[in-house]
Protein backbone atom coordinates (compact mmCIF):
# COMPACT_ATOMS: atom_id res chain seq x y z
CA MET A 1 47.93 211.22 186.40
CA PRO A 2 50.31 211.66 189.03
CA ARG A 3 52.31 213.77 186.89
CA LEU A 4 49.28 216.25 186.20
CA ALA A 5 48.80 216.38 190.33
CA ALA A 6 52.46 217.03 190.83
CA VAL A 7 51.99 219.85 187.90
CA THR A 8 48.99 221.22 189.69
CA LEU A 9 50.47 221.37 193.02
CA LEU A 10 53.34 223.08 191.70
CA CYS A 11 51.55 225.76 189.91
CA ALA A 12 49.24 226.31 192.64
CA GLY A 13 52.23 226.67 195.14
CA ALA A 14 54.02 229.31 192.62
CA LEU A 15 50.82 231.32 192.67
CA ALA A 16 49.93 231.35 196.21
CA SER A 17 50.07 234.20 197.97
CA PRO A 18 52.76 235.18 200.94
CA ALA A 19 52.00 233.64 204.31
CA ILE A 20 51.80 237.47 205.48
CA ALA A 21 48.65 239.35 204.36
CA GLN A 22 49.76 242.09 202.25
CA ASP A 23 48.64 245.77 202.83
CA ALA A 24 49.02 247.81 199.67
CA LYS A 25 47.91 250.85 201.18
CA ALA A 26 50.63 250.56 203.92
CA GLY A 27 53.39 249.58 201.48
CA GLY A 28 52.46 252.81 199.31
CA ALA A 29 52.86 254.87 202.46
CA LYS A 30 56.18 253.00 203.37
CA ALA A 31 57.29 253.49 199.54
CA SER A 32 56.57 257.10 199.41
CA ALA A 33 58.68 257.52 202.74
CA GLN A 34 61.52 255.47 201.57
CA CYS A 35 61.66 254.04 198.39
CA ALA A 36 60.54 256.78 195.92
CA VAL A 37 63.72 258.84 196.22
CA CYS A 38 65.33 256.31 193.82
CA HIS A 39 62.56 254.39 192.35
CA GLY A 40 60.27 257.33 191.57
CA LYS A 41 57.07 258.39 193.65
CA ASP A 42 55.12 255.92 191.14
CA GLY A 43 57.29 253.28 190.81
CA LEU A 44 59.06 254.32 187.54
CA SER A 45 62.52 255.49 188.05
CA GLN A 46 64.10 258.43 186.62
CA LEU A 47 67.63 257.26 187.62
CA PRO A 48 69.26 254.81 185.63
CA VAL A 49 70.63 252.90 188.30
CA ALA A 50 67.18 252.06 189.90
CA PRO A 51 65.12 249.61 188.35
CA ASN A 52 61.17 250.51 187.73
CA LEU A 53 59.01 248.62 190.21
CA ALA A 54 55.60 249.51 189.08
CA GLY A 55 53.89 246.64 187.83
CA GLN A 56 56.36 244.16 189.13
CA VAL A 57 55.50 240.59 189.86
CA GLU A 58 54.75 240.36 193.65
CA PHE A 59 56.61 237.40 194.43
CA TYR A 60 59.91 238.71 192.70
CA LEU A 61 59.95 241.52 194.75
CA VAL A 62 59.36 239.71 197.98
CA LYS A 63 62.22 237.24 197.01
CA ALA A 64 64.64 240.36 195.71
CA LEU A 65 63.83 242.08 199.21
CA GLU A 66 64.38 239.22 201.36
CA ASP A 67 67.79 238.51 199.53
CA PHE A 68 68.93 241.98 200.14
CA ARG A 69 68.35 242.08 203.61
CA ALA A 70 69.73 238.58 204.03
CA GLY A 71 72.80 239.63 202.30
CA ARG A 72 72.44 236.78 199.54
CA ARG A 73 72.10 239.50 196.98
CA GLU A 74 74.51 242.56 196.69
CA ASN A 75 73.80 246.22 196.16
CA GLU A 76 75.15 248.78 198.80
CA MET A 77 72.27 251.09 198.87
CA MET A 78 69.60 248.12 199.09
CA THR A 79 71.47 246.31 201.31
CA VAL A 80 71.45 249.29 203.70
CA VAL A 81 67.48 250.01 203.04
CA SER A 82 66.26 246.49 203.46
CA LYS A 83 68.17 245.64 206.66
CA ASP A 84 65.19 247.44 208.96
CA LEU A 85 62.49 245.84 206.83
CA THR A 86 60.05 243.42 208.68
CA ASP A 87 58.50 240.67 206.95
CA ALA A 88 55.13 242.80 206.72
CA ASP A 89 57.07 245.65 205.22
CA ILE A 90 58.61 243.70 202.59
CA ALA A 91 55.01 241.86 201.94
CA ASN A 92 53.11 245.34 201.88
CA LEU A 93 55.95 246.91 199.64
CA ALA A 94 55.99 244.13 197.30
CA ALA A 95 51.65 244.20 197.08
CA TRP A 96 51.96 248.02 196.54
CA TYR A 97 54.11 248.01 193.68
CA ALA A 98 52.75 245.01 192.19
CA SER A 99 49.17 246.65 192.30
CA ILE A 100 50.38 249.79 190.33
CA ARG A 101 48.88 249.31 186.57
CA ILE A 102 51.05 250.51 183.73
CA SER A 103 50.76 250.88 180.19
CA VAL A 104 53.33 249.93 177.60
CA GLN A 105 53.22 251.35 174.13
CA PRO A 106 55.88 250.19 171.68
CA PRO A 107 58.12 252.60 170.38
CA PRO A 108 57.34 254.54 167.21
């Protein structure tokens, strides 16, 4: 039984939302102004060097942006862009991109 409790707590912690309340609408406004040039206005990039962000897992986006900002993850453009992002900006951007619904169709 203790093992089940530990697994339950671990899963609950992984699914918990970030400490900062997210505002997807504010994230969308920030993305339109700052991120759309490379990642596309709808989170679907037209540039081979910029990944699609639409529908990405929110926690992953938060972690990636925090790592770029802290210098733990390297990319010249993202390091410059992320250095001025606040924790709220990061939470909002992650909420925005995670909220974009995408449909995937298998290739013909």
